[in-house]
PDB file of all heavy atoms in Angstrom:
ATOM      1  N   LEU A   1      26.231  74.656  26.241  1.00  0.00           N
ATOM      2  CA  LEU A   1      25.053  75.132  25.490  1.00  0.00           C
ATOM      3  C   LEU A   1      25.313  75.070  24.017  1.00  0.00           C
ATOM      4  O   LEU A   1      24.215  74.830  23.392  1.00  0.00           O
ATOM      5  CB  LEU A   1      24.890  76.658  26.007  1.00  0.00           C
ATOM      6  CG  LEU A   1      24.466  76.922  27.407  1.00  0.00           C
ATOM      7  CD1 LEU A   1      24.581  78.301  27.738  1.00  0.00           C
ATOM      8  CD2 LEU A   1      22.931  76.401  27.467  1.00  0.00           C
ATOM      9  N   HIS A   2      26.529  75.332  23.554  1.00  0.00           N
ATOM     10  CA  HIS A   2      26.784  75.222  22.207  1.00  0.00           C
ATOM     11  C   HIS A   2      26.529  73.792  21.680  1.00  0.00           C
ATOM     12  O   HIS A   2      25.997  73.384  20.574  1.00  0.00           O
ATOM     13  CB  HIS A   2      28.173  75.713  21.860  1.00  0.00           C
ATOM     14  CG  HIS A   2      28.582  75.454  20.366  1.00  0.00           C
ATOM     15  ND1 HIS A   2      28.113  76.352  19.406  1.00  0.00           N
ATOM     16  CD2 HIS A   2      29.502  74.621  19.782  1.00  0.00           C
ATOM     17  CE1 HIS A   2      28.729  76.025  18.240  1.00  0.00           C
ATOM     18  NE2 HIS A   2      29.515  74.981  18.499  1.00  0.00           N
ATOM     19  N   GLN A   3      27.010  72.771  22.505  1.00  0.00           N
ATOM     20  CA  GLN A   3      26.844  71.358  22.147  1.00  0.00           C
ATOM     21  C   GLN A   3      25.446  70.969  21.979  1.00  0.00           C
ATOM     22  O   GLN A   3      25.020  70.031  21.232  1.00  0.00           O
ATOM     23  CB  GLN A   3      27.515  70.461  23.175  1.00  0.00           C
ATOM     24  CG  GLN A   3      29.112  70.567  23.001  1.00  0.00           C
ATOM     25  CD  GLN A   3      29.804  69.903  24.268  1.00  0.00           C
ATOM     26  OE1 GLN A   3      29.131  69.145  25.022  1.00  0.00           O
ATOM     27  NE2 GLN A   3      30.994  69.977  24.203  1.00  0.00           N
ATOM     28  N   LYS A   4      24.590  71.612  22.841  1.00  0.00           N
ATOM     29  CA  LYS A   4      23.138  71.280  22.913  1.00  0.00           C
ATOM     30  C   LYS A   4      22.270  72.132  21.808  1.00  0.00           C
ATOM     31  O   LYS A   4      21.076  71.934  21.612  1.00  0.00           O
ATOM     32  CB  LYS A   4      22.555  71.712  24.307  1.00  0.00           C
ATOM     33  CG  LYS A   4      23.071  70.781  25.352  1.00  0.00           C
ATOM     34  CD  LYS A   4      22.596  71.316  26.739  1.00  0.00           C
ATOM     35  CE  LYS A   4      21.064  71.524  26.926  1.00  0.00           C
ATOM     36  NZ  LYS A   4      20.724  72.078  28.297  1.00  0.00           N
ATOM     37  N   ASN A   5      23.119  73.007  21.056  1.00  0.00           N
ATOM     38  CA  ASN A   5      22.506  73.772  20.038  1.00  0.00           C
ATOM     39  C   ASN A   5      21.312  74.654  20.543  1.00  0.00           C
ATOM     40  O   ASN A   5      20.358  74.852  19.988  1.00  0.00           O
ATOM     41  CB  ASN A   5      21.945  72.941  18.846  1.00  0.00           C
ATOM     42  CG  ASN A   5      21.700  73.626  17.607  1.00  0.00           C
ATOM     43  OD1 ASN A   5      22.481  74.710  17.464  1.00  0.00           O
ATOM     44  ND2 ASN A   5      20.780  73.256  16.781  1.00  0.00           N
ATOM     45  N   GLU A   6      21.656  75.183  21.752  1.00  0.00           N
ATOM     46  CA  GLU A   6      20.678  76.187  22.417  1.00  0.00           C
ATOM     47  C   GLU A   6      20.569  77.492  21.760  1.00  0.00           C
ATOM     48  O   GLU A   6      21.569  77.924  21.188  1.00  0.00           O
ATOM     49  CB  GLU A   6      21.229  76.332  23.845  1.00  0.00           C
ATOM     50  CG  GLU A   6      20.219  77.018  24.803  1.00  0.00           C
ATOM     51  CD  GLU A   6      19.226  76.071  25.374  1.00  0.00           C
ATOM     52  OE1 GLU A   6      19.728  74.939  25.830  1.00  0.00           O
ATOM     53  OE2 GLU A   6      17.981  76.297  25.342  1.00  0.00           O
ATOM     54  N   LYS A   7      19.297  77.826  21.558  1.00  0.00           N
ATOM     55  CA  LYS A   7      19.142  79.212  21.004  1.00  0.00           C
ATOM     56  C   LYS A   7      19.129  80.323  22.063  1.00  0.00           C
ATOM     57  O   LYS A   7      18.395  80.173  23.050  1.00  0.00           O
ATOM     58  CB  LYS A   7      17.606  79.213  20.313  1.00  0.00           C
ATOM     59  CG  LYS A   7      17.380  80.564  19.716  1.00  0.00           C
ATOM     60  CD  LYS A   7      16.009  80.471  19.060  1.00  0.00           C
ATOM     61  CE  LYS A   7      15.612  81.785  18.227  1.00  0.00           C
ATOM     62  NZ  LYS A   7      15.662  82.970  19.202  1.00  0.00           N
ATOM     63  N   ILE A   8      20.080  81.242  21.864  1.00  0.00           N
ATOM     64  CA  ILE A   8      20.247  82.346  22.773  1.00  0.00           C
ATOM     65  C   ILE A   8      20.243  83.648  22.055  1.00  0.00           C
ATOM     66  O   ILE A   8      20.918  83.821  21.198  1.00  0.00           O
ATOM     67  CB  ILE A   8      21.545  82.221  23.598  1.00  0.00           C
ATOM     68  CG1 ILE A   8      21.597  80.878  24.321  1.00  0.00           C
ATOM     69  CG2 ILE A   8      21.774  83.377  24.530  1.00  0.00           C
ATOM     70  CD1 ILE A   8      22.990  80.574  24.856  1.00  0.00           C
ATOM     71  N   ASP A   9      19.116  84.444  22.513  1.00  0.00           N
ATOM     72  CA  ASP A   9      19.037  85.764  21.836  1.00  0.00           C
ATOM     73  C   ASP A   9      20.076  86.832  22.402  1.00  0.00           C
ATOM     74  O   ASP A   9      20.525  87.669  21.801  1.00  0.00           O
ATOM     75  CB  ASP A   9      17.666  86.324  21.918  1.00  0.00           C
ATOM     76  CG  ASP A   9      16.628  85.461  21.103  1.00  0.00           C
ATOM     77  OD1 ASP A   9      16.961  85.021  19.993  1.00  0.00           O
ATOM     78  OD2 ASP A   9      15.609  85.030  21.796  1.00  0.00           O
ATOM     79  N   SER A  10      20.117  86.699  23.771  1.00  0.00           N
ATOM     80  CA  SER A  10      21.026  87.719  24.441  1.00  0.00           C
ATOM     81  C   SER A  10      21.717  86.968  25.592  1.00  0.00           C
ATOM     82  O   SER A  10      21.132  86.225  26.333  1.00  0.00           O
ATOM     83  CB  SER A  10      20.101  88.809  25.014  1.00  0.00           C
ATOM     84  OG  SER A  10      20.934  89.674  25.775  1.00  0.00           O
ATOM     85  N   ILE A  11      23.030  87.330  25.676  1.00  0.00           N
ATOM     86  CA  ILE A  11      23.900  87.015  26.890  1.00  0.00           C
ATOM     87  C   ILE A  11      23.829  88.262  27.697  1.00  0.00           C
ATOM     88  O   ILE A  11      24.281  89.336  27.267  1.00  0.00           O
ATOM     89  CB  ILE A  11      25.279  86.684  26.396  1.00  0.00           C
ATOM     90  CG1 ILE A  11      25.252  85.400  25.429  1.00  0.00           C
ATOM     91  CG2 ILE A  11      26.111  86.437  27.745  1.00  0.00           C
ATOM     92  CD1 ILE A  11      26.653  85.367  24.711  1.00  0.00           C
ATOM     93  N   THR A  12      23.212  88.109  28.910  1.00  0.00           N
ATOM     94  CA  THR A  12      22.733  89.249  29.667  1.00  0.00           C
ATOM     95  C   THR A  12      23.363  89.299  31.065  1.00  0.00           C
ATOM     96  O   THR A  12      23.044  88.498  32.000  1.00  0.00           O
ATOM     97  CB  THR A  12      21.169  89.296  29.768  1.00  0.00           C
ATOM     98  OG1 THR A  12      20.630  89.200  28.496  1.00  0.00           O
ATOM     99  CG2 THR A  12      20.731  90.528  30.403  1.00  0.00           C
ATOM    100  N   TYR A  13      24.090  90.409  31.284  1.00  0.00           N
ATOM    101  CA  TYR A  13      24.484  90.687  32.627  1.00  0.00           C
ATOM    102  C   TYR A  13      23.250  91.112  33.451  1.00  0.00           C
ATOM    103  O   TYR A  13      22.635  92.222  33.118  1.00  0.00           O
ATOM    104  CB  TYR A  13      25.514  91.960  32.739  1.00  0.00           C
ATOM    105  CG  TYR A  13      26.925  91.685  32.422  1.00  0.00           C
ATOM    106  CD1 TYR A  13      27.514  92.177  31.262  1.00  0.00           C
ATOM    107  CD2 TYR A  13      27.690  90.779  33.194  1.00  0.00           C
ATOM    108  CE1 TYR A  13      28.937  91.960  30.994  1.00  0.00           C
ATOM    109  CE2 TYR A  13      29.068  90.492  32.837  1.00  0.00           C
ATOM    110  CZ  TYR A  13      29.635  91.109  31.818  1.00  0.00           C
ATOM    111  OH  TYR A  13      30.997  90.958  31.504  1.00  0.00           O
ATOM    112  N   ALA A  14      22.899  90.358  34.419  1.00  0.00           N
ATOM    113  CA  ALA A  14      21.862  90.699  35.234  1.00  0.00           C
ATOM    114  C   ALA A  14      22.089  90.315  36.796  1.00  0.00           C
ATOM    115  O   ALA A  14      23.183  90.729  37.279  1.00  0.00           O
ATOM    116  CB  ALA A  14      20.486  90.119  34.896  1.00  0.00           C
ATOM    117  N   GLY A  15      21.300  89.501  37.383  1.00  0.00           N
ATOM    118  CA  GLY A  15      21.729  88.865  38.706  1.00  0.00           C
ATOM    119  C   GLY A  15      21.387  89.796  39.883  1.00  0.00           C
ATOM    120  O   GLY A  15      20.445  90.396  39.866  1.00  0.00           O
ATOM    121  N   ASN A  16      22.086  89.609  40.915  1.00  0.00           N
ATOM    122  CA  ASN A  16      21.690  89.941  42.266  1.00  0.00           C
ATOM    123  C   ASN A  16      22.251  91.444  42.583  1.00  0.00           C
ATOM    124  O   ASN A  16      22.915  91.624  43.585  1.00  0.00           O
ATOM    125  CB  ASN A  16      22.250  89.005  43.279  1.00  0.00           C
ATOM    126  CG  ASN A  16      21.566  87.587  43.059  1.00  0.00           C
ATOM    127  OD1 ASN A  16      20.528  87.468  42.459  1.00  0.00           O
ATOM    128  ND2 ASN A  16      22.288  86.579  43.577  1.00  0.00           N
ATOM    129  N   GLY A  17      21.903  92.281  41.773  1.00  0.00           N
ATOM    130  CA  GLY A  17      22.365  93.680  42.080  1.00  0.00           C
ATOM    131  C   GLY A  17      22.954  94.379  40.767  1.00  0.00           C
ATOM    132  O   GLY A  17      22.619  94.071  39.632  1.00  0.00           O
ATOM    133  N   GLU A  18      23.986  95.218  41.052  1.00  0.00           N
ATOM    134  CA  GLU A  18      24.691  95.955  40.011  1.00  0.00           C
ATOM    135  C   GLU A  18      25.939  95.230  39.425  1.00  0.00           C
ATOM    136  O   GLU A  18      26.956  95.160  40.174  1.00  0.00           O
ATOM    137  CB  GLU A  18      24.999  97.370  40.398  1.00  0.00           C
ATOM    138  CG  GLU A  18      25.717  98.163  39.439  1.00  0.00           C
ATOM    139  CD  GLU A  18      25.135  98.231  38.027  1.00  0.00           C
ATOM    140  OE1 GLU A  18      23.815  98.248  37.964  1.00  0.00           O
ATOM    141  OE2 GLU A  18      25.880  98.331  36.957  1.00  0.00           O
ATOM    142  N   PRO A  19      25.889  94.715  38.175  1.00  0.00           N
ATOM    143  CA  PRO A  19      27.043  93.934  37.672  1.00  0.00           C
ATOM    144  C   PRO A  19      28.277  94.744  37.545  1.00  0.00           C
ATOM    145  O   PRO A  19      29.409  94.234  37.700  1.00  0.00           O
ATOM    146  CB  PRO A  19      26.533  93.395  36.378  1.00  0.00           C
ATOM    147  CG  PRO A  19      25.442  94.333  35.962  1.00  0.00           C
ATOM    148  CD  PRO A  19      24.795  94.812  37.181  1.00  0.00           C
ATOM    149  N   THR A  20      28.172  95.989  37.264  1.00  0.00           N
ATOM    150  CA  THR A  20      29.542  96.796  36.925  1.00  0.00           C
ATOM    151  C   THR A  20      30.282  97.106  38.248  1.00  0.00           C
ATOM    152  O   THR A  20      31.317  97.746  38.259  1.00  0.00           O
ATOM    153  CB  THR A  20      29.083  98.182  36.227  1.00  0.00           C
ATOM    154  OG1 THR A  20      28.331  98.936  36.975  1.00  0.00           O
ATOM    155  CG2 THR A  20      28.429  97.817  34.908  1.00  0.00           C
ATOM    156  N   ILE A  21      29.724  96.761  39.452  1.00  0.00           N
ATOM    157  CA  ILE A  21      30.399  96.920  40.633  1.00  0.00           C
ATOM    158  C   ILE A  21      31.757  96.031  40.651  1.00  0.00           C
ATOM    159  O   ILE A  21      32.757  96.400  41.157  1.00  0.00           O
ATOM    160  CB  ILE A  21      29.582  96.516  41.841  1.00  0.00           C
ATOM    161  CG1 ILE A  21      28.481  97.399  42.262  1.00  0.00           C
ATOM    162  CG2 ILE A  21      30.462  96.186  43.087  1.00  0.00           C
ATOM    163  CD1 ILE A  21      27.636  97.070  43.328  1.00  0.00           C
ATOM    164  N   HIS A  22      31.753  94.960  39.862  1.00  0.00           N
ATOM    165  CA  HIS A  22      32.820  93.899  39.958  1.00  0.00           C
ATOM    166  C   HIS A  22      34.148  94.686  39.400  1.00  0.00           C
ATOM    167  O   HIS A  22      34.124  95.361  38.415  1.00  0.00           O
ATOM    168  CB  HIS A  22      32.588  92.751  38.945  1.00  0.00           C
ATOM    169  CG  HIS A  22      33.362  91.634  39.248  1.00  0.00           C
ATOM    170  ND1 HIS A  22      34.734  91.506  39.140  1.00  0.00           N
ATOM    171  CD2 HIS A  22      33.084  90.402  39.949  1.00  0.00           C
ATOM    172  CE1 HIS A  22      35.195  90.423  39.542  1.00  0.00           C
ATOM    173  NE2 HIS A  22      34.246  89.643  40.012  1.00  0.00           N
ATOM    174  N   PRO A  23      35.164  94.623  40.218  1.00  0.00           N
ATOM    175  CA  PRO A  23      36.452  95.213  39.845  1.00  0.00           C
ATOM    176  C   PRO A  23      37.057  94.761  38.657  1.00  0.00           C
ATOM    177  O   PRO A  23      37.912  95.486  38.101  1.00  0.00           O
ATOM    178  CB  PRO A  23      37.375  94.967  41.201  1.00  0.00           C
ATOM    179  CG  PRO A  23      36.722  93.807  41.752  1.00  0.00           C
ATOM    180  CD  PRO A  23      35.283  93.888  41.583  1.00  0.00           C
ATOM    181  N   GLU A  24      36.665  93.636  38.236  1.00  0.00           N
ATOM    182  CA  GLU A  24      37.325  92.991  36.997  1.00  0.00           C
ATOM    183  C   GLU A  24      36.122  92.929  35.865  1.00  0.00           C
ATOM    184  O   GLU A  24      36.291  92.077  35.009  1.00  0.00           O
ATOM    185  CB  GLU A  24      37.841  91.617  37.252  1.00  0.00           C
ATOM    186  CG  GLU A  24      38.890  91.639  38.271  1.00  0.00           C
ATOM    187  CD  GLU A  24      39.426  90.146  38.682  1.00  0.00           C
ATOM    188  OE1 GLU A  24      38.737  89.494  39.360  1.00  0.00           O
ATOM    189  OE2 GLU A  24      40.447  89.767  38.058  1.00  0.00           O
ATOM    190  N   PHE A  25      35.319  93.889  35.879  1.00  0.00           N
ATOM    191  CA  PHE A  25      34.239  93.873  34.928  1.00  0.00           C
ATOM    192  C   PHE A  25      34.751  93.896  33.523  1.00  0.00           C
ATOM    193  O   PHE A  25      34.180  93.185  32.687  1.00  0.00           O
ATOM    194  CB  PHE A  25      33.242  95.073  35.085  1.00  0.00           C
ATOM    195  CG  PHE A  25      32.019  95.146  34.311  1.00  0.00           C
ATOM    196  CD1 PHE A  25      30.974  94.172  34.404  1.00  0.00           C
ATOM    197  CD2 PHE A  25      31.941  96.007  33.308  1.00  0.00           C
ATOM    198  CE1 PHE A  25      29.986  94.192  33.667  1.00  0.00           C
ATOM    199  CE2 PHE A  25      30.864  96.054  32.405  1.00  0.00           C
ATOM    200  CZ  PHE A  25      29.876  95.124  32.660  1.00  0.00           C
ATOM    201  N   GLU A  26      35.673  94.793  33.164  1.00  0.00           N
ATOM    202  CA  GLU A  26      36.211  94.816  31.812  1.00  0.00           C
ATOM    203  C   GLU A  26      36.869  93.449  31.409  1.00  0.00           C
ATOM    204  O   GLU A  26      36.643  93.063  30.260  1.00  0.00           O
ATOM    205  CB  GLU A  26      37.123  95.979  31.627  1.00  0.00           C
ATOM    206  CG  GLU A  26      37.423  96.164  30.136  1.00  0.00           C
ATOM    207  CD  GLU A  26      38.130  97.458  29.914  1.00  0.00           C
ATOM    208  OE1 GLU A  26      38.843  98.022  30.760  1.00  0.00           O
ATOM    209  OE2 GLU A  26      38.113  97.941  28.777  1.00  0.00           O
TER     210      GLU A  26
END
């Protein structure tokens, strides 16, 4: 994405449920 010079306003945890469930979230 950096090579493509992509514009990104937010890197966002979202997806298929609750992201903080992941045991290695930190």
